[in-house]
């Protein structure tokens, strides 16, 4: 499938088979501390996509993150950067945010310092490739965007990419906020090779 075609398929645009992308599961958080996808990640699909809708932490600054497999402590290496801009035309910048990991076994941040205002949320997506391969490490990338809690009403767009350094199967993915409870919806899609 050409780069970006799965995004088109998700929207059902003419000329792209929606059969290439299949909705497998939807989980809704209402004051939950984690959302865990513990089934349906199999060799049936070569790529899995998780889409995040209106993730809102109970506490401002509750970093939204993920990890894989039982125990949620797999070794990963990743890099990340952010672009930000405030409502008052302030803090326009692009830079690193301290998300980088070098063979660490902690959760990978997807959105840093989100606001928890009533109208604030984080949205985005995570892609993991070939999770059932027993030959290759498991590559991933993510993009999120949302309002951050710095008082300026700033928006932040995060870009994260890396790999889990394991040749075993990835069959579970868990999402959480560092501050504890959060609300929102996460949908999991399978992409045909």
Foldseek 3Di string as FASTA:
>chain_A
DDPPLQVVLVVVDPPHPVVQKAWDDKDWFDQAFKDKQQADQEQQFFKKKKKWFFKAFPDFFFFKWKAFDVVRFFWKFKFKKKAKAFPVRPDGDIGGDPQGDDRGRHTGTADGGFGRPPPWGKIWMKMWGRQAALPDWIKMKIWMKIFHDPPRRMIMIMIMIITGPGSHHTRMMMMGTNVGTITTMMIMMGGHD
